[in-house]
Amino acid sequence: GLGTDAFHHVFPEVASRVQVPLMPFLMAGALGNSPLVQRDGLHPNEAGARVIATNMWPYLEPLLRTASRR
């Protein structure tokens, strides 16, 4: 199967191949921050989803602007 090291390289390789920005870690700022995750300690709650969306926006906005110009 796919080893851990190989798995971590999949996303940067695909992002490079299809020429899209790579967000380094989707859960940055939410994972491990108990007010931002559900009781399982892993999945974001509503407030955590807002943090993720705010972190994602700088990567997403340029793609949407480019797409709207086509």
PDB file of N, CA and C in Angstrom:
ATOM      1  N   GLY A   1       0.813  -1.194   0.000  1.00  0.00           N
ATOM      2  CA  GLY A   1       0.000   0.000   0.000  1.00  0.00           C
ATOM      3  C   GLY A   1       0.851   1.250   0.000  1.00  0.00           C
ATOM      4  N   LEU A   2       0.188   2.327   0.116  1.00  0.00           N
ATOM      5  CA  LEU A   2       0.832   3.635   0.104  1.00  0.00           C
ATOM      6  C   LEU A   2       1.383   3.934   1.486  1.00  0.00           C
ATOM      7  N   GLY A   3       2.701   4.114   1.599  1.00  0.00           N
ATOM      8  CA  GLY A   3       3.316   4.417   2.881  1.00  0.00           C
ATOM      9  C   GLY A   3       3.017   5.829   3.330  1.00  0.00           C
ATOM     10  N   THR A   4       3.254   6.115   4.602  1.00  0.00           N
ATOM     11  CA  THR A   4       2.969   7.428   5.175  1.00  0.00           C
ATOM     12  C   THR A   4       3.711   8.529   4.447  1.00  0.00           C
ATOM     13  N   ASP A   5       4.988   8.338   4.180  1.00  0.00           N
ATOM     14  CA  ASP A   5       5.784   9.355   3.504  1.00  0.00           C
ATOM     15  C   ASP A   5       5.231   9.631   2.111  1.00  0.00           C
ATOM     16  N   ALA A   6       4.920   8.568   1.385  1.00  0.00           N
ATOM     17  CA  ALA A   6       4.367   8.725   0.038  1.00  0.00           C
ATOM     18  C   ALA A   6       3.021   9.445   0.087  1.00  0.00           C
ATOM     19  N   PHE A   7       2.195   9.109   1.075  1.00  0.00           N
ATOM     20  CA  PHE A   7       0.881   9.748   1.213  1.00  0.00           C
ATOM     21  C   PHE A   7       1.019  11.260   1.370  1.00  0.00           C
ATOM     22  N   HIS A   8       1.969  11.694   2.184  1.00  0.00           N
ATOM     23  CA  HIS A   8       2.150  13.126   2.429  1.00  0.00           C
ATOM     24  C   HIS A   8       2.648  13.874   1.202  1.00  0.00           C
ATOM     25  N   HIS A   9       3.206  13.173   0.253  1.00  0.00           N
ATOM     26  CA  HIS A   9       3.686  13.819  -0.971  1.00  0.00           C
ATOM     27  C   HIS A   9       2.624  13.864  -2.064  1.00  0.00           C
ATOM     28  N   VAL A  10       1.551  13.119  -1.895  1.00  0.00           N
ATOM     29  CA  VAL A  10       0.509  13.058  -2.914  1.00  0.00           C
ATOM     30  C   VAL A  10      -0.090  14.439  -3.160  1.00  0.00           C
ATOM     31  N   PHE A  11      -0.480  15.138  -2.105  1.00  0.00           N
ATOM     32  CA  PHE A  11      -1.173  16.414  -2.273  1.00  0.00           C
ATOM     33  C   PHE A  11      -0.293  17.484  -2.912  1.00  0.00           C
ATOM     34  N   PRO A  12       0.956  17.668  -2.470  1.00  0.00           N
ATOM     35  CA  PRO A  12       1.815  18.641  -3.162  1.00  0.00           C
ATOM     36  C   PRO A  12       2.046  18.279  -4.626  1.00  0.00           C
ATOM     37  N   GLU A  13       2.196  17.007  -4.920  1.00  0.00           N
ATOM     38  CA  GLU A  13       2.418  16.589  -6.309  1.00  0.00           C
ATOM     39  C   GLU A  13       1.200  16.871  -7.176  1.00  0.00           C
ATOM     40  N   VAL A  14       0.013  16.568  -6.675  1.00  0.00           N
ATOM     41  CA  VAL A  14      -1.212  16.822  -7.446  1.00  0.00           C
ATOM     42  C   VAL A  14      -1.415  18.324  -7.621  1.00  0.00           C
ATOM     43  N   ALA A  15      -1.216  19.102  -6.572  1.00  0.00           N
ATOM     44  CA  ALA A  15      -1.373  20.555  -6.667  1.00  0.00           C
ATOM     45  C   ALA A  15      -0.430  21.131  -7.714  1.00  0.00           C
ATOM     46  N   SER A  16       0.787  20.648  -7.726  1.00  0.00           N
ATOM     47  CA  SER A  16       1.757  21.111  -8.719  1.00  0.00           C
ATOM     48  C   SER A  16       1.341  20.693 -10.124  1.00  0.00           C
ATOM     49  N   ARG A  17       0.905  19.468 -10.251  1.00  0.00           N
ATOM     50  CA  ARG A  17       0.528  18.941 -11.568  1.00  0.00           C
ATOM     51  C   ARG A  17      -0.644  19.701 -12.164  1.00  0.00           C
ATOM     52  N   VAL A  18      -1.636  20.033 -11.356  1.00  0.00           N
ATOM     53  CA  VAL A  18      -2.819  20.718 -11.880  1.00  0.00           C
ATOM     54  C   VAL A  18      -2.753  22.230 -11.667  1.00  0.00           C
ATOM     55  N   GLN A  19      -1.627  22.690 -11.152  1.00  0.00           N
ATOM     56  CA  GLN A  19      -1.335  24.115 -10.987  1.00  0.00           C
ATOM     57  C   GLN A  19      -2.386  24.843 -10.154  1.00  0.00           C
ATOM     58  N   VAL A  20      -2.602  24.334  -8.953  1.00  0.00           N
ATOM     59  CA  VAL A  20      -3.462  24.998  -7.979  1.00  0.00           C
ATOM     60  C   VAL A  20      -2.668  25.183  -6.691  1.00  0.00           C
ATOM     61  N   PRO A  21      -3.015  26.188  -5.899  1.00  0.00           N
ATOM     62  CA  PRO A  21      -2.298  26.375  -4.635  1.00  0.00           C
ATOM     63  C   PRO A  21      -2.614  25.241  -3.666  1.00  0.00           C
ATOM     64  N   LEU A  22      -1.674  24.977  -2.794  1.00  0.00           N
ATOM     65  CA  LEU A  22      -1.844  23.933  -1.794  1.00  0.00           C
ATOM     66  C   LEU A  22      -1.970  24.579  -0.433  1.00  0.00           C
ATOM     67  N   MET A  23      -3.083  24.330   0.230  1.00  0.00           N
ATOM     68  CA  MET A  23      -3.246  24.785   1.604  1.00  0.00           C
ATOM     69  C   MET A  23      -2.515  23.788   2.480  1.00  0.00           C
ATOM     70  N   PRO A  24      -1.492  24.215   3.213  1.00  0.00           N
ATOM     71  CA  PRO A  24      -0.641  23.268   3.929  1.00  0.00           C
ATOM     72  C   PRO A  24      -1.377  22.354   4.908  1.00  0.00           C
ATOM     73  N   PHE A  25      -2.314  22.870   5.691  1.00  0.00           N
ATOM     74  CA  PHE A  25      -3.001  22.026   6.667  1.00  0.00           C
ATOM     75  C   PHE A  25      -4.400  22.574   6.882  1.00  0.00           C
ATOM     76  N   LEU A  26      -5.388  21.844   6.419  1.00  0.00           N
ATOM     77  CA  LEU A  26      -6.776  22.282   6.462  1.00  0.00           C
ATOM     78  C   LEU A  26      -7.252  22.623   7.869  1.00  0.00           C
ATOM     79  N   MET A  27      -6.843  21.853   8.860  1.00  0.00           N
ATOM     80  CA  MET A  27      -7.357  22.019  10.218  1.00  0.00           C
ATOM     81  C   MET A  27      -6.518  22.970  11.078  1.00  0.00           C
ATOM     82  N   ALA A  28      -5.605  23.711  10.459  1.00  0.00           N
ATOM     83  CA  ALA A  28      -4.755  24.632  11.218  1.00  0.00           C
ATOM     84  C   ALA A  28      -5.619  25.581  12.048  1.00  0.00           C
ATOM     85  N   GLY A  29      -5.283  25.688  13.313  1.00  0.00           N
ATOM     86  CA  GLY A  29      -5.998  26.570  14.218  1.00  0.00           C
ATOM     87  C   GLY A  29      -7.232  25.964  14.851  1.00  0.00           C
ATOM     88  N   ALA A  30      -7.715  24.859  14.303  1.00  0.00           N
ATOM     89  CA  ALA A  30      -8.913  24.224  14.851  1.00  0.00           C
ATOM     90  C   ALA A  30      -8.574  22.917  15.564  1.00  0.00           C
ATOM     91  N   LEU A  31      -7.796  22.071  14.924  1.00  0.00           N
ATOM     92  CA  LEU A  31      -7.465  20.778  15.508  1.00  0.00           C
ATOM     93  C   LEU A  31      -6.700  20.972  16.814  1.00  0.00           C
ATOM     94  N   GLY A  32      -7.165  20.334  17.841  1.00  0.00           N
ATOM     95  CA  GLY A  32      -6.530  20.453  19.149  1.00  0.00           C
ATOM     96  C   GLY A  32      -7.000  21.651  19.955  1.00  0.00           C
ATOM     97  N   ASN A  33      -7.885  22.441  19.392  1.00  0.00           N
ATOM     98  CA  ASN A  33      -8.427  23.618  20.067  1.00  0.00           C
ATOM     99  C   ASN A  33      -9.859  23.273  20.478  1.00  0.00           C
ATOM    100  N   SER A  34     -10.030  22.826  21.708  1.00  0.00           N
ATOM    101  CA  SER A  34     -11.300  22.242  22.132  1.00  0.00           C
ATOM    102  C   SER A  34     -12.547  23.087  21.882  1.00  0.00           C
ATOM    103  N   PRO A  35     -12.508  24.427  21.967  1.00  0.00           N
ATOM    104  CA  PRO A  35     -13.732  25.174  21.650  1.00  0.00           C
ATOM    105  C   PRO A  35     -14.120  25.118  20.170  1.00  0.00           C
ATOM    106  N   LEU A  36     -13.215  24.605  19.327  1.00  0.00           N
ATOM    107  CA  LEU A  36     -13.458  24.611  17.883  1.00  0.00           C
ATOM    108  C   LEU A  36     -13.723  23.236  17.285  1.00  0.00           C
ATOM    109  N   VAL A  37     -13.705  22.202  18.133  1.00  0.00           N
ATOM    110  CA  VAL A  37     -13.949  20.848  17.630  1.00  0.00           C
ATOM    111  C   VAL A  37     -15.084  20.180  18.396  1.00  0.00           C
ATOM    112  N   GLN A  38     -15.651  19.167  17.765  1.00  0.00           N
ATOM    113  CA  GLN A  38     -16.709  18.397  18.415  1.00  0.00           C
ATOM    114  C   GLN A  38     -16.113  17.553  19.536  1.00  0.00           C
ATOM    115  N   ARG A  39     -16.969  16.891  20.271  1.00  0.00           N
ATOM    116  CA  ARG A  39     -16.517  16.095  21.422  1.00  0.00           C
ATOM    117  C   ARG A  39     -15.495  15.029  21.064  1.00  0.00           C
ATOM    118  N   ASP A  40     -15.473  14.601  19.806  1.00  0.00           N
ATOM    119  CA  ASP A  40     -14.495  13.580  19.414  1.00  0.00           C
ATOM    120  C   ASP A  40     -13.083  14.142  19.341  1.00  0.00           C
ATOM    121  N   GLY A  41     -12.945  15.469  19.453  1.00  0.00           N
ATOM    122  CA  GLY A  41     -11.632  16.111  19.443  1.00  0.00           C
ATOM    123  C   GLY A  41     -11.004  16.213  18.072  1.00  0.00           C
ATOM    124  N   LEU A  42     -11.721  15.803  17.039  1.00  0.00           N
ATOM    125  CA  LEU A  42     -11.158  15.768  15.698  1.00  0.00           C
ATOM    126  C   LEU A  42     -11.933  16.614  14.698  1.00  0.00           C
ATOM    127  N   HIS A  43     -13.226  16.437  14.659  1.00  0.00           N
ATOM    128  CA  HIS A  43     -14.049  17.109  13.654  1.00  0.00           C
ATOM    129  C   HIS A  43     -14.431  18.511  14.121  1.00  0.00           C
ATOM    130  N   PRO A  44     -14.337  19.494  13.226  1.00  0.00           N
ATOM    131  CA  PRO A  44     -14.661  20.864  13.616  1.00  0.00           C
ATOM    132  C   PRO A  44     -16.148  21.041  13.906  1.00  0.00           C
ATOM    133  N   ASN A  45     -16.437  21.916  14.855  1.00  0.00           N
ATOM    134  CA  ASN A  45     -17.820  22.322  15.090  1.00  0.00           C
ATOM    135  C   ASN A  45     -18.069  23.562  14.237  1.00  0.00           C
ATOM    136  N   GLU A  46     -19.174  24.245  14.464  1.00  0.00           N
ATOM    137  CA  GLU A  46     -19.520  25.412  13.649  1.00  0.00           C
ATOM    138  C   GLU A  46     -18.436  26.488  13.729  1.00  0.00           C
ATOM    139  N   ALA A  47     -17.952  26.761  14.923  1.00  0.00           N
ATOM    140  CA  ALA A  47     -16.909  27.781  15.085  1.00  0.00           C
ATOM    141  C   ALA A  47     -15.608  27.338  14.421  1.00  0.00           C
ATOM    142  N   GLY A  48     -15.291  26.060  14.517  1.00  0.00           N
ATOM    143  CA  GLY A  48     -14.096  25.531  13.866  1.00  0.00           C
ATOM    144  C   GLY A  48     -14.193  25.615  12.356  1.00  0.00           C
ATOM    145  N   ALA A  49     -15.382  25.365  11.824  1.00  0.00           N
ATOM    146  CA  ALA A  49     -15.588  25.473  10.378  1.00  0.00           C
ATOM    147  C   ALA A  49     -15.366  26.904   9.903  1.00  0.00           C
ATOM    148  N   ARG A  50     -15.738  27.866  10.735  1.00  0.00           N
ATOM    149  CA  ARG A  50     -15.485  29.275  10.372  1.00  0.00           C
ATOM    150  C   ARG A  50     -13.992  29.564  10.321  1.00  0.00           C
ATOM    151  N   VAL A  51     -13.242  29.023  11.280  1.00  0.00           N
ATOM    152  CA  VAL A  51     -11.782  29.208  11.285  1.00  0.00           C
ATOM    153  C   VAL A  51     -11.185  28.598  10.018  1.00  0.00           C
ATOM    154  N   ILE A  52     -11.619  27.397   9.686  1.00  0.00           N
ATOM    155  CA  ILE A  52     -11.114  26.729   8.490  1.00  0.00           C
ATOM    156  C   ILE A  52     -11.456  27.532   7.237  1.00  0.00           C
ATOM    157  N   ALA A  53     -12.685  28.021   7.142  1.00  0.00           N
ATOM    158  CA  ALA A  53     -13.090  28.813   5.977  1.00  0.00           C
ATOM    159  C   ALA A  53     -12.258  30.090   5.866  1.00  0.00           C
ATOM    160  N   THR A  54     -11.999  30.737   6.989  1.00  0.00           N
ATOM    161  CA  THR A  54     -11.175  31.954   6.980  1.00  0.00           C
ATOM    162  C   THR A  54      -9.762  31.631   6.514  1.00  0.00           C
ATOM    163  N   ASN A  55      -9.218  30.515   6.985  1.00  0.00           N
ATOM    164  CA  ASN A  55      -7.876  30.109   6.571  1.00  0.00           C
ATOM    165  C   ASN A  55      -7.822  29.695   5.104  1.00  0.00           C
ATOM    166  N   MET A  56      -8.917  29.139   4.611  1.00  0.00           N
ATOM    167  CA  MET A  56      -8.967  28.651   3.240  1.00  0.00           C
ATOM    168  C   MET A  56      -9.152  29.781   2.219  1.00  0.00           C
ATOM    169  N   TRP A  57      -9.796  30.845   2.630  1.00  0.00           N
ATOM    170  CA  TRP A  57     -10.174  31.904   1.698  1.00  0.00           C
ATOM    171  C   TRP A  57      -8.998  32.462   0.883  1.00  0.00           C
ATOM    172  N   PRO A  58      -7.831  32.726   1.467  1.00  0.00           N
ATOM    173  CA  PRO A  58      -6.720  33.244   0.654  1.00  0.00           C
ATOM    174  C   PRO A  58      -6.277  32.286  -0.456  1.00  0.00           C
ATOM    175  N   TYR A  59      -6.523  31.005  -0.305  1.00  0.00           N
ATOM    176  CA  TYR A  59      -6.176  30.028  -1.336  1.00  0.00           C
ATOM    177  C   TYR A  59      -7.290  29.914  -2.375  1.00  0.00           C
ATOM    178  N   LEU A  60      -8.518  30.105  -1.945  1.00  0.00           N
ATOM    179  CA  LEU A  60      -9.681  29.917  -2.804  1.00  0.00           C
ATOM    180  C   LEU A  60     -10.017  31.162  -3.620  1.00  0.00           C
ATOM    181  N   GLU A  61      -9.928  32.319  -3.021  1.00  0.00           N
ATOM    182  CA  GLU A  61     -10.342  33.546  -3.698  1.00  0.00           C
ATOM    183  C   GLU A  61      -9.649  33.759  -5.048  1.00  0.00           C
ATOM    184  N   PRO A  62      -8.325  33.612  -5.146  1.00  0.00           N
ATOM    185  CA  PRO A  62      -7.697  33.810  -6.459  1.00  0.00           C
ATOM    186  C   PRO A  62      -8.209  32.833  -7.517  1.00  0.00           C
ATOM    187  N   LEU A  63      -8.530  31.614  -7.126  1.00  0.00           N
ATOM    188  CA  LEU A  63      -9.068  30.649  -8.079  1.00  0.00           C
ATOM    189  C   LEU A  63     -10.443  31.077  -8.578  1.00  0.00           C
ATOM    190  N   LEU A  64     -11.254  31.620  -7.680  1.00  0.00           N
ATOM    191  CA  LEU A  64     -12.591  32.069  -8.070  1.00  0.00           C
ATOM    192  C   LEU A  64     -12.507  33.293  -8.970  1.00  0.00           C
ATOM    193  N   ARG A  65     -11.571  34.183  -8.694  1.00  0.00           N
ATOM    194  CA  ARG A  65     -11.411  35.364  -9.553  1.00  0.00           C
ATOM    195  C   ARG A  65     -10.972  34.953 -10.944  1.00  0.00           C
ATOM    196  N   THR A  66     -10.047  34.019 -11.038  1.00  0.00           N
ATOM    197  CA  THR A  66      -9.582  33.533 -12.337  1.00  0.00           C
ATOM    198  C   THR A  66     -10.722  32.857 -13.080  1.00  0.00           C
ATOM    199  N   ALA A  67     -11.497  32.043 -12.401  1.00  0.00           N
ATOM    200  CA  ALA A  67     -12.611  31.323 -13.037  1.00  0.00           C
ATOM    201  C   ALA A  67     -13.678  32.290 -13.530  1.00  0.00           C
ATOM    202  N   SER A  68     -13.899  33.388 -12.809  1.00  0.00           N
ATOM    203  CA  SER A  68     -14.953  34.333 -13.206  1.00  0.00           C
ATOM    204  C   SER A  68     -14.537  35.146 -14.426  1.00  0.00           C
ATOM    205  N   ARG A  69     -13.260  35.194 -14.742  1.00  0.00           N
ATOM    206  CA  ARG A  69     -12.782  35.938 -15.914  1.00  0.00           C
ATOM    207  C   ARG A  69     -12.884  35.137 -17.196  1.00  0.00           C
ATOM    208  N   ARG A  70     -13.151  33.854 -17.083  1.00  0.00           N
ATOM    209  CA  ARG A  70     -13.201  32.995 -18.280  1.00  0.00           C
ATOM    210  C   ARG A  70     -14.501  33.106 -18.989  1.00  0.00           C
TER     211      ARG A  70
END
